[in-house]
C-alpha atoms as a PDB file:
ATOM      1  CA  UNK A   1      92.507  93.005 -48.270  1.00  0.00           C
ATOM      2  CA  UNK A   2      91.505  91.007 -45.226  1.00  0.00           C
ATOM      3  CA  UNK A   3      92.586  92.166 -41.697  1.00  0.00           C
ATOM      4  CA  UNK A   4      93.793  89.874 -39.211  1.00  0.00           C
ATOM      5  CA  UNK A   5      93.780  91.177 -35.775  1.00  0.00           C
ATOM      6  CA  UNK A   6      95.942  89.780 -32.945  1.00  0.00           C
ATOM      7  CA  UNK A   7      93.878  88.741 -29.812  1.00  0.00           C
ATOM      8  CA  UNK A   8      95.362  91.777 -28.177  1.00  0.00           C
ATOM      9  CA  UNK A   9      94.122  93.869 -30.806  1.00  0.00           C
ATOM     10  CA  UNK A  10      90.488  92.677 -30.443  1.00  0.00           C
ATOM     11  CA  UNK A  11      90.408  92.822 -26.659  1.00  0.00           C
ATOM     12  CA  UNK A  12      91.812  96.529 -27.159  1.00  0.00           C
ATOM     13  CA  UNK A  13      88.957  96.905 -29.836  1.00  0.00           C
ATOM     14  CA  UNK A  14      86.163  95.644 -27.639  1.00  0.00           C
ATOM     15  CA  UNK A  15      87.504  97.485 -24.470  1.00  0.00           C
ATOM     16  CA  UNK A  16      87.260 100.729 -26.467  1.00  0.00           C
ATOM     17  CA  UNK A  17      83.683  99.752 -27.714  1.00  0.00           C
ATOM     18  CA  UNK A  18      82.349  98.986 -24.085  1.00  0.00           C
ATOM     19  CA  UNK A  19      84.372 101.160 -21.619  1.00  0.00           C
ATOM     20  CA  UNK A  20      85.384 104.347 -23.804  1.00  0.00           C
ATOM     21  CA  UNK A  21      83.873 105.245 -27.235  1.00  0.00           C
ATOM     22  CA  UNK A  22      82.248 108.428 -26.932  1.00  0.00           C
ATOM     23  CA  UNK A  23      79.371 107.376 -29.059  1.00  0.00           C
ATOM     24  CA  UNK A  24      78.117 105.007 -26.457  1.00  0.00           C
ATOM     25  CA  UNK A  25      78.345 107.361 -23.526  1.00  0.00           C
ATOM     26  CA  UNK A  26      74.724 107.887 -22.936  1.00  0.00           C
ATOM     27  CA  UNK A  27      73.844 104.062 -23.187  1.00  0.00           C
ATOM     28  CA  UNK A  28      77.241 103.473 -20.933  1.00  0.00           C
ATOM     29  CA  UNK A  29      75.572 105.553 -18.371  1.00  0.00           C
ATOM     30  CA  UNK A  30      72.276 103.942 -18.555  1.00  0.00           C
ATOM     31  CA  UNK A  31      73.221 100.316 -18.374  1.00  0.00           C
ATOM     32  CA  UNK A  32      77.025 100.188 -16.811  1.00  0.00           C
ATOM     33  CA  UNK A  33      77.851 100.764 -13.360  1.00  0.00           C
ATOM     34  CA  UNK A  34      80.156 103.726 -13.385  1.00  0.00           C
ATOM     35  CA  UNK A  35      83.178 102.106 -12.024  1.00  0.00           C
ATOM     36  CA  UNK A  36      83.683 100.828 -15.522  1.00  0.00           C
ATOM     37  CA  UNK A  37      83.820 103.587 -17.384  1.00  0.00           C
ATOM     38  CA  UNK A  38      85.232 106.353 -15.062  1.00  0.00           C
ATOM     39  CA  UNK A  39      88.761 105.876 -15.715  1.00  0.00           C
ATOM     40  CA  UNK A  40      88.402 103.038 -17.642  1.00  0.00           C
ATOM     41  CA  UNK A  41      90.951  99.978 -17.353  1.00  0.00           C
ATOM     42  CA  UNK A  42      91.719  96.768 -18.639  1.00  0.00           C
ATOM     43  CA  UNK A  43      91.312  95.035 -15.298  1.00  0.00           C
ATOM     44  CA  UNK A  44      88.048  96.867 -14.669  1.00  0.00           C
ATOM     45  CA  UNK A  45      87.078  95.565 -18.143  1.00  0.00           C
ATOM     46  CA  UNK A  46      87.998  92.123 -17.312  1.00  0.00           C
ATOM     47  CA  UNK A  47      86.081  92.271 -14.037  1.00  0.00           C
ATOM     48  CA  UNK A  48      82.778  93.298 -16.146  1.00  0.00           C
ATOM     49  CA  UNK A  49      83.538  90.492 -18.432  1.00  0.00           C
ATOM     50  CA  UNK A  50      83.730  87.893 -15.606  1.00  0.00           C
ATOM     51  CA  UNK A  51      81.118  89.189 -13.721  1.00  0.00           C
ATOM     52  CA  UNK A  52      78.610  86.264 -12.231  1.00  0.00           C
ATOM     53  CA  UNK A  53      76.227  89.045 -11.119  1.00  0.00           C
ATOM     54  CA  UNK A  54      72.760  88.576 -13.746  1.00  0.00           C
ATOM     55  CA  UNK A  55      71.682  92.011 -13.578  1.00  0.00           C
ATOM     56  CA  UNK A  56      75.265  93.010 -14.594  1.00  0.00           C
ATOM     57  CA  UNK A  57      75.432  90.609 -17.639  1.00  0.00           C
ATOM     58  CA  UNK A  58      71.563  91.521 -18.685  1.00  0.00           C
ATOM     59  CA  UNK A  59      72.475  95.341 -18.627  1.00  0.00           C
ATOM     60  CA  UNK A  60      75.931  94.541 -20.666  1.00  0.00           C
ATOM     61  CA  UNK A  61      73.820  92.948 -23.180  1.00  0.00           C
ATOM     62  CA  UNK A  62      71.336  95.640 -23.346  1.00  0.00           C
ATOM     63  CA  UNK A  63      74.087  97.878 -23.890  1.00  0.00           C
ATOM     64  CA  UNK A  64      75.858  95.774 -26.603  1.00  0.00           C
ATOM     65  CA  UNK A  65      72.539  95.503 -28.154  1.00  0.00           C
ATOM     66  CA  UNK A  66      71.634  99.047 -28.639  1.00  0.00           C
ATOM     67  CA  UNK A  67      75.091 100.059 -29.172  1.00  0.00           C
ATOM     68  CA  UNK A  68      75.446  97.747 -32.069  1.00  0.00           C
ATOM     69  CA  UNK A  69      72.207  99.420 -33.354  1.00  0.00           C
ATOM     70  CA  UNK A  70      73.474 102.499 -33.043  1.00  0.00           C
ATOM     71  CA  UNK A  71      76.543 101.587 -35.176  1.00  0.00           C
ATOM     72  CA  UNK A  72      74.716  99.884 -37.641  1.00  0.00           C
ATOM     73  CA  UNK A  73      72.197 102.519 -38.339  1.00  0.00           C
ATOM     74  CA  UNK A  74      75.241 104.886 -38.740  1.00  0.00           C
ATOM     75  CA  UNK A  75      77.002 102.372 -41.297  1.00  0.00           C
ATOM     76  CA  UNK A  76      73.551 102.299 -43.293  1.00  0.00           C
ATOM     77  CA  UNK A  77      73.144 106.169 -43.557  1.00  0.00           C
ATOM     78  CA  UNK A  78      76.978 106.628 -44.553  1.00  0.00           C
ATOM     79  CA  UNK A  79      76.635 103.800 -47.143  1.00  0.00           C
ATOM     80  CA  UNK A  80      73.162 105.917 -48.518  1.00  0.00           C
ATOM     81  CA  UNK A  81      74.833 109.391 -48.648  1.00  0.00           C
END
């Protein structure tokens, strides 16, 4: 079965992944400003996504990369078990 997400659903998933999901809280603290994950909101998320501060963008990319590495390793482990 193929799931087709609406733009709003995809946005919510990305928001959760970057600003809320407890699996990545350590990385979030390491790479993102607390204003984005302390009492997160879609407005704050949109600010982060539209940032023109190079260091902030670089840190976001690092956060996403490392978070996806964690998620992929968890998925691989679950498949192997």
